[in-house]
Amino acid sequence: MSATAARLVEIAREILLAEGAAAVSMRRVATAAGVTPMAIYRHFANREALLATIADASFAEIAERWAARPAAADFGTRVTELLDDHLDFALGQPHLYDFVFTDPREGARRWPDDFRAGGSPSMNLVADALTGGIRQGVLRDQDVWPLALTVAALIHGLVQLFRGGRIDLPEPDFRALVHQLVGKVLDGNRA
């Protein structure tokens, strides 16, 4: 990617972080970058291509950040770390979280094929942690992908309910609730 394209992506990402994906327009990004609106099309075919670049880079960044933490040998500790990382992202960067995980967008990864093929850097970490739990004898032997989807759907749903004001708890209590409910799902899958 050229330096100009990288700068355009960074500007578009800053707009997305501050205001959400709907606020990102080719004209606005070009103006902020000091280039003509038509110049941006030399680097990105359209707005969707620009947003797809942001999504791919964001998923890679999220997975890299989550994977950078040394994997705990203990399954329970690993789950706690992944949950904390996910909640830090969801609550700390809500517009980016919505964009990469819940907003409809072209090219978004789809269940089951994209996930099972390892196409989701963030879901791969969940599946790896669950596989570790199976290997350690904590979880019963099973296909990890449906369990990974169940855990992810629970977390995403709880985050949306909390951010929408439907779960009326202070943030620390909300975080504890998420840990408790994910624990209940995992308890139901114990070996």
C-alpha atoms as a PDB file:
ATOM      1  CA  MET A   1       0.000   0.000   0.000  1.00  0.00           C
ATOM      2  CA  SER A   2       1.373   3.409  -0.947  1.00  0.00           C
ATOM      3  CA  ALA A   3       2.025   6.090   1.660  1.00  0.00           C
ATOM      4  CA  THR A   4      -0.907   8.104   0.308  1.00  0.00           C
ATOM      5  CA  ALA A   5      -3.274   5.141   0.494  1.00  0.00           C
ATOM      6  CA  ALA A   6      -2.126   4.408   4.052  1.00  0.00           C
ATOM      7  CA  ARG A   7      -2.763   8.044   4.989  1.00  0.00           C
ATOM      8  CA  LEU A   8      -6.251   7.893   3.463  1.00  0.00           C
ATOM      9  CA  VAL A   9      -7.007   4.721   5.430  1.00  0.00           C
ATOM     10  CA  GLU A  10      -5.783   6.314   8.655  1.00  0.00           C
ATOM     11  CA  ILE A  11      -7.946   9.408   8.105  1.00  0.00           C
ATOM     12  CA  ALA A  12     -10.986   7.275   7.287  1.00  0.00           C
ATOM     13  CA  ARG A  13     -10.317   5.163  10.389  1.00  0.00           C
ATOM     14  CA  GLU A  14     -10.128   8.282  12.582  1.00  0.00           C
ATOM     15  CA  ILE A  15     -13.498   9.435  11.243  1.00  0.00           C
ATOM     16  CA  LEU A  16     -14.946   5.964  11.810  1.00  0.00           C
ATOM     17  CA  LEU A  17     -13.612   5.840  15.376  1.00  0.00           C
ATOM     18  CA  ALA A  18     -15.072   9.237  16.217  1.00  0.00           C
ATOM     19  CA  GLU A  19     -18.399   9.095  14.395  1.00  0.00           C
ATOM     20  CA  GLY A  20     -19.043   5.632  12.957  1.00  0.00           C
ATOM     21  CA  ALA A  21     -18.854   4.136   9.470  1.00  0.00           C
ATOM     22  CA  ALA A  22     -21.790   6.188   8.150  1.00  0.00           C
ATOM     23  CA  ALA A  23     -19.702   9.356   8.584  1.00  0.00           C
ATOM     24  CA  VAL A  24     -16.947   8.092   6.266  1.00  0.00           C
ATOM     25  CA  SER A  25     -17.317   9.499   2.762  1.00  0.00           C
ATOM     26  CA  MET A  26     -14.786   9.650  -0.044  1.00  0.00           C
ATOM     27  CA  ARG A  27     -15.172  13.434  -0.271  1.00  0.00           C
ATOM     28  CA  ARG A  28     -14.666  13.932   3.463  1.00  0.00           C
ATOM     29  CA  VAL A  29     -11.585  11.702   3.555  1.00  0.00           C
ATOM     30  CA  ALA A  30     -10.106  13.404   0.499  1.00  0.00           C
ATOM     31  CA  THR A  31     -10.708  16.862   1.967  1.00  0.00           C
ATOM     32  CA  ALA A  32      -9.090  15.895   5.274  1.00  0.00           C
ATOM     33  CA  ALA A  33      -6.117  14.455   3.367  1.00  0.00           C
ATOM     34  CA  GLY A  34      -5.733  17.571   1.235  1.00  0.00           C
ATOM     35  CA  VAL A  35      -6.325  15.767  -2.051  1.00  0.00           C
ATOM     36  CA  THR A  36      -9.082  16.153  -4.614  1.00  0.00           C
ATOM     37  CA  PRO A  37     -12.089  13.876  -4.197  1.00  0.00           C
ATOM     38  CA  MET A  38     -11.215  12.145  -7.496  1.00  0.00           C
ATOM     39  CA  ALA A  39      -7.632  11.450  -6.360  1.00  0.00           C
ATOM     40  CA  ILE A  40      -8.833   9.042  -3.691  1.00  0.00           C
ATOM     41  CA  TYR A  41     -10.242   6.790  -6.433  1.00  0.00           C
ATOM     42  CA  ARG A  42      -6.691   6.116  -7.652  1.00  0.00           C
ATOM     43  CA  HIS A  43      -6.217   4.176  -4.438  1.00  0.00           C
ATOM     44  CA  PHE A  44      -9.683   2.793  -3.686  1.00  0.00           C
ATOM     45  CA  ALA A  45     -12.343   1.833  -6.218  1.00  0.00           C
ATOM     46  CA  ASN A  46     -15.121   3.063  -3.940  1.00  0.00           C
ATOM     47  CA  ARG A  47     -16.132   3.701  -0.343  1.00  0.00           C
ATOM     48  CA  GLU A  48     -16.751   0.000   0.256  1.00  0.00           C
ATOM     49  CA  ALA A  49     -13.181  -0.828  -0.804  1.00  0.00           C
ATOM     50  CA  LEU A  50     -11.835   1.813   1.579  1.00  0.00           C
ATOM     51  CA  LEU A  51     -13.994   0.491   4.428  1.00  0.00           C
ATOM     52  CA  ALA A  52     -13.013  -3.106   3.623  1.00  0.00           C
ATOM     53  CA  THR A  53      -9.361  -2.108   3.958  1.00  0.00           C
ATOM     54  CA  ILE A  54     -10.120  -0.601   7.363  1.00  0.00           C
ATOM     55  CA  ALA A  55     -12.021  -3.735   8.425  1.00  0.00           C
ATOM     56  CA  ASP A  56      -9.222  -6.087   7.363  1.00  0.00           C
ATOM     57  CA  ALA A  57      -6.569  -3.962   9.047  1.00  0.00           C
ATOM     58  CA  SER A  58      -8.700  -3.642  12.189  1.00  0.00           C
ATOM     59  CA  PHE A  59      -9.281  -7.386  12.483  1.00  0.00           C
ATOM     60  CA  ALA A  60      -5.576  -8.031  12.005  1.00  0.00           C
ATOM     61  CA  GLU A  61      -4.747  -5.401  14.640  1.00  0.00           C
ATOM     62  CA  ILE A  62      -7.297  -6.816  17.102  1.00  0.00           C
ATOM     63  CA  ALA A  63      -6.067 -10.375  16.641  1.00  0.00           C
ATOM     64  CA  GLU A  64      -2.443  -9.272  16.893  1.00  0.00           C
ATOM     65  CA  ARG A  65      -3.137  -7.349  20.104  1.00  0.00           C
ATOM     66  CA  TRP A  66      -5.082 -10.256  21.629  1.00  0.00           C
ATOM     67  CA  ALA A  67      -2.506 -12.816  20.499  1.00  0.00           C
ATOM     68  CA  ALA A  68       0.404 -10.697  21.760  1.00  0.00           C
ATOM     69  CA  ARG A  69      -0.546 -11.483  25.326  1.00  0.00           C
ATOM     70  CA  PRO A  70       1.329 -14.644  26.309  1.00  0.00           C
ATOM     71  CA  ALA A  71      -1.212 -17.446  26.186  1.00  0.00           C
ATOM     72  CA  ALA A  72      -1.955 -18.599  29.706  1.00  0.00           C
ATOM     73  CA  ALA A  73      -1.395 -22.283  30.263  1.00  0.00           C
ATOM     74  CA  ASP A  74      -4.522 -22.419  32.404  1.00  0.00           C
ATOM     75  CA  PHE A  75      -7.770 -22.536  30.413  1.00  0.00           C
ATOM     76  CA  GLY A  76      -9.735 -20.375  32.863  1.00  0.00           C
ATOM     77  CA  THR A  77      -7.081 -17.667  32.836  1.00  0.00           C
ATOM     78  CA  ARG A  78      -6.964 -17.693  29.023  1.00  0.00           C
ATOM     79  CA  VAL A  79     -10.732 -17.269  28.804  1.00  0.00           C
ATOM     80  CA  THR A  80     -10.619 -14.405  31.307  1.00  0.00           C
ATOM     81  CA  GLU A  81      -7.883 -12.662  29.318  1.00  0.00           C
ATOM     82  CA  LEU A  82      -9.742 -13.023  26.011  1.00  0.00           C
ATOM     83  CA  LEU A  83     -12.979 -11.743  27.559  1.00  0.00           C
ATOM     84  CA  ASP A  84     -11.202  -8.759  29.094  1.00  0.00           C
ATOM     85  CA  ASP A  85      -9.514  -7.940  25.772  1.00  0.00           C
ATOM     86  CA  HIS A  86     -12.830  -8.209  23.922  1.00  0.00           C
ATOM     87  CA  LEU A  87     -14.684  -6.020  26.417  1.00  0.00           C
ATOM     88  CA  ASP A  88     -11.877  -3.452  26.432  1.00  0.00           C
ATOM     89  CA  PHE A  89     -12.265  -3.177  22.656  1.00  0.00           C
ATOM     90  CA  ALA A  90     -16.078  -3.213  22.627  1.00  0.00           C
ATOM     91  CA  LEU A  91     -16.438  -0.547  25.289  1.00  0.00           C
ATOM     92  CA  GLY A  92     -13.340   1.478  24.440  1.00  0.00           C
ATOM     93  CA  GLN A  93     -13.844   1.755  20.671  1.00  0.00           C
ATOM     94  CA  PRO A  94     -17.593   1.317  20.163  1.00  0.00           C
ATOM     95  CA  HIS A  95     -17.805   2.665  16.600  1.00  0.00           C
ATOM     96  CA  LEU A  96     -14.979   0.438  15.379  1.00  0.00           C
ATOM     97  CA  TYR A  97     -16.443  -2.506  17.294  1.00  0.00           C
ATOM     98  CA  ASP A  98     -19.817  -2.013  15.605  1.00  0.00           C
ATOM     99  CA  PHE A  99     -18.200  -1.675  12.210  1.00  0.00           C
ATOM    100  CA  VAL A 100     -16.072  -4.805  12.371  1.00  0.00           C
ATOM    101  CA  PHE A 101     -18.429  -7.070  14.323  1.00  0.00           C
ATOM    102  CA  THR A 102     -22.056  -6.075  13.819  1.00  0.00           C
ATOM    103  CA  ASP A 103     -22.622  -3.584  10.989  1.00  0.00           C
ATOM    104  CA  PRO A 104     -23.756  -5.130   7.699  1.00  0.00           C
ATOM    105  CA  ARG A 105     -20.961  -4.759   5.169  1.00  0.00           C
ATOM    106  CA  GLU A 106     -19.810  -6.296   1.950  1.00  0.00           C
ATOM    107  CA  GLY A 107     -17.090  -8.897   2.387  1.00  0.00           C
ATOM    108  CA  ALA A 108     -17.837  -9.572   6.058  1.00  0.00           C
ATOM    109  CA  ARG A 109     -16.961 -13.093   7.119  1.00  0.00           C
ATOM    110  CA  ARG A 110     -19.899 -15.493   7.214  1.00  0.00           C
ATOM    111  CA  TRP A 111     -20.788 -18.496   9.338  1.00  0.00           C
ATOM    112  CA  PRO A 112     -20.014 -21.354   8.866  1.00  0.00           C
ATOM    113  CA  ASP A 113     -17.592 -21.543   5.955  1.00  0.00           C
ATOM    114  CA  ASP A 114     -15.424 -18.454   6.559  1.00  0.00           C
ATOM    115  CA  PHE A 115     -15.065 -19.225  10.256  1.00  0.00           C
ATOM    116  CA  ARG A 116     -14.314 -22.921   9.846  1.00  0.00           C
ATOM    117  CA  ALA A 117     -11.735 -22.053   7.171  1.00  0.00           C
ATOM    118  CA  GLY A 118      -9.881 -19.879   9.691  1.00  0.00           C
ATOM    119  CA  GLY A 119     -10.913 -16.638   7.995  1.00  0.00           C
ATOM    120  CA  SER A 120     -11.713 -14.757  11.209  1.00  0.00           C
ATOM    121  CA  PRO A 121      -8.599 -13.727  13.116  1.00  0.00           C
ATOM    122  CA  SER A 122     -10.583 -12.918  16.264  1.00  0.00           C
ATOM    123  CA  MET A 123     -12.749 -16.056  16.204  1.00  0.00           C
ATOM    124  CA  ASN A 124      -9.651 -18.170  15.581  1.00  0.00           C
ATOM    125  CA  LEU A 125      -8.357 -17.073  18.992  1.00  0.00           C
ATOM    126  CA  VAL A 126     -11.613 -18.143  20.645  1.00  0.00           C
ATOM    127  CA  ALA A 127     -11.520 -21.505  18.865  1.00  0.00           C
ATOM    128  CA  ASP A 128      -7.872 -21.969  19.839  1.00  0.00           C
ATOM    129  CA  ALA A 129      -8.669 -21.253  23.491  1.00  0.00           C
ATOM    130  CA  LEU A 130     -11.570 -23.719  23.438  1.00  0.00           C
ATOM    131  CA  THR A 131      -9.392 -26.331  21.755  1.00  0.00           C
ATOM    132  CA  GLY A 132      -6.887 -25.793  24.561  1.00  0.00           C
ATOM    133  CA  GLY A 133      -9.680 -26.411  27.062  1.00  0.00           C
ATOM    134  CA  ILE A 134     -10.502 -29.696  25.335  1.00  0.00           C
ATOM    135  CA  ARG A 135      -6.843 -30.741  25.302  1.00  0.00           C
ATOM    136  CA  GLN A 136      -6.520 -29.916  29.004  1.00  0.00           C
ATOM    137  CA  GLY A 137      -9.572 -32.061  29.757  1.00  0.00           C
ATOM    138  CA  VAL A 138     -11.562 -29.075  31.032  1.00  0.00           C
ATOM    139  CA  LEU A 139     -14.123 -29.136  28.201  1.00  0.00           C
ATOM    140  CA  ARG A 140     -15.670 -32.223  26.656  1.00  0.00           C
ATOM    141  CA  ASP A 141     -14.404 -33.268  23.242  1.00  0.00           C
ATOM    142  CA  GLN A 142     -16.500 -31.555  20.584  1.00  0.00           C
ATOM    143  CA  ASP A 143     -16.452 -29.436  17.436  1.00  0.00           C
ATOM    144  CA  VAL A 144     -15.217 -26.099  18.846  1.00  0.00           C
ATOM    145  CA  TRP A 145     -16.800 -23.909  16.164  1.00  0.00           C
ATOM    146  CA  PRO A 146     -20.447 -24.055  17.333  1.00  0.00           C
ATOM    147  CA  LEU A 147     -19.275 -23.425  20.907  1.00  0.00           C
ATOM    148  CA  ALA A 148     -17.067 -20.528  19.747  1.00  0.00           C
ATOM    149  CA  LEU A 149     -20.046 -19.027  17.904  1.00  0.00           C
ATOM    150  CA  THR A 150     -22.257 -19.450  20.979  1.00  0.00           C
ATOM    151  CA  VAL A 151     -19.737 -17.656  23.187  1.00  0.00           C
ATOM    152  CA  ALA A 152     -19.185 -14.877  20.629  1.00  0.00           C
ATOM    153  CA  ALA A 153     -22.930 -14.382  20.079  1.00  0.00           C
ATOM    154  CA  LEU A 154     -23.506 -14.168  23.830  1.00  0.00           C
ATOM    155  CA  ILE A 155     -20.769 -11.560  24.253  1.00  0.00           C
ATOM    156  CA  HIS A 156     -21.911  -9.491  21.256  1.00  0.00           C
ATOM    157  CA  GLY A 157     -25.518  -9.596  22.431  1.00  0.00           C
ATOM    158  CA  LEU A 158     -24.629  -8.561  25.963  1.00  0.00           C
ATOM    159  CA  VAL A 159     -22.455  -5.707  24.682  1.00  0.00           C
ATOM    160  CA  GLN A 160     -25.304  -4.434  22.498  1.00  0.00           C
ATOM    161  CA  LEU A 161     -27.778  -4.635  25.377  1.00  0.00           C
ATOM    162  CA  PHE A 162     -25.381  -2.796  27.694  1.00  0.00           C
ATOM    163  CA  ARG A 163     -24.541  -0.086  25.187  1.00  0.00           C
ATOM    164  CA  GLY A 164     -28.237   0.279  24.382  1.00  0.00           C
ATOM    165  CA  GLY A 165     -29.038   0.877  28.058  1.00  0.00           C
ATOM    166  CA  ARG A 166     -30.969  -2.387  28.457  1.00  0.00           C
ATOM    167  CA  ILE A 167     -28.482  -3.716  31.019  1.00  0.00           C
ATOM    168  CA  ASP A 168     -28.443  -1.058  33.704  1.00  0.00           C
ATOM    169  CA  LEU A 169     -25.216  -1.770  35.537  1.00  0.00           C
ATOM    170  CA  PRO A 170     -22.016   0.155  36.132  1.00  0.00           C
ATOM    171  CA  GLU A 171     -19.309  -0.993  33.729  1.00  0.00           C
ATOM    172  CA  PRO A 172     -17.377  -3.101  36.280  1.00  0.00           C
ATOM    173  CA  ASP A 173     -20.577  -4.964  37.190  1.00  0.00           C
ATOM    174  CA  PHE A 174     -21.401  -5.451  33.511  1.00  0.00           C
ATOM    175  CA  ARG A 175     -17.961  -6.936  32.919  1.00  0.00           C
ATOM    176  CA  ALA A 176     -18.475  -9.296  35.854  1.00  0.00           C
ATOM    177  CA  LEU A 177     -21.864 -10.302  34.412  1.00  0.00           C
ATOM    178  CA  VAL A 178     -20.294 -11.161  31.044  1.00  0.00           C
ATOM    179  CA  HIS A 179     -17.660 -13.297  32.752  1.00  0.00           C
ATOM    180  CA  GLN A 180     -20.337 -15.018  34.829  1.00  0.00           C
ATOM    181  CA  LEU A 181     -22.595 -15.813  31.851  1.00  0.00           C
ATOM    182  CA  VAL A 182     -19.763 -17.016  29.602  1.00  0.00           C
ATOM    183  CA  GLY A 183     -18.667 -19.171  32.543  1.00  0.00           C
ATOM    184  CA  LYS A 184     -22.141 -20.708  32.674  1.00  0.00           C
ATOM    185  CA  VAL A 185     -21.977 -21.594  28.970  1.00  0.00           C
ATOM    186  CA  LEU A 186     -18.552 -23.147  29.422  1.00  0.00           C
ATOM    187  CA  ASP A 187     -19.681 -24.989  32.571  1.00  0.00           C
ATOM    188  CA  GLY A 188     -22.372 -26.649  30.466  1.00  0.00           C
ATOM    189  CA  ASN A 189     -19.613 -27.972  28.200  1.00  0.00           C
ATOM    190  CA  ARG A 190     -17.306 -29.311  30.905  1.00  0.00           C
ATOM    191  CA  ALA A 191     -15.724 -32.722  30.479  1.00  0.00           C
END
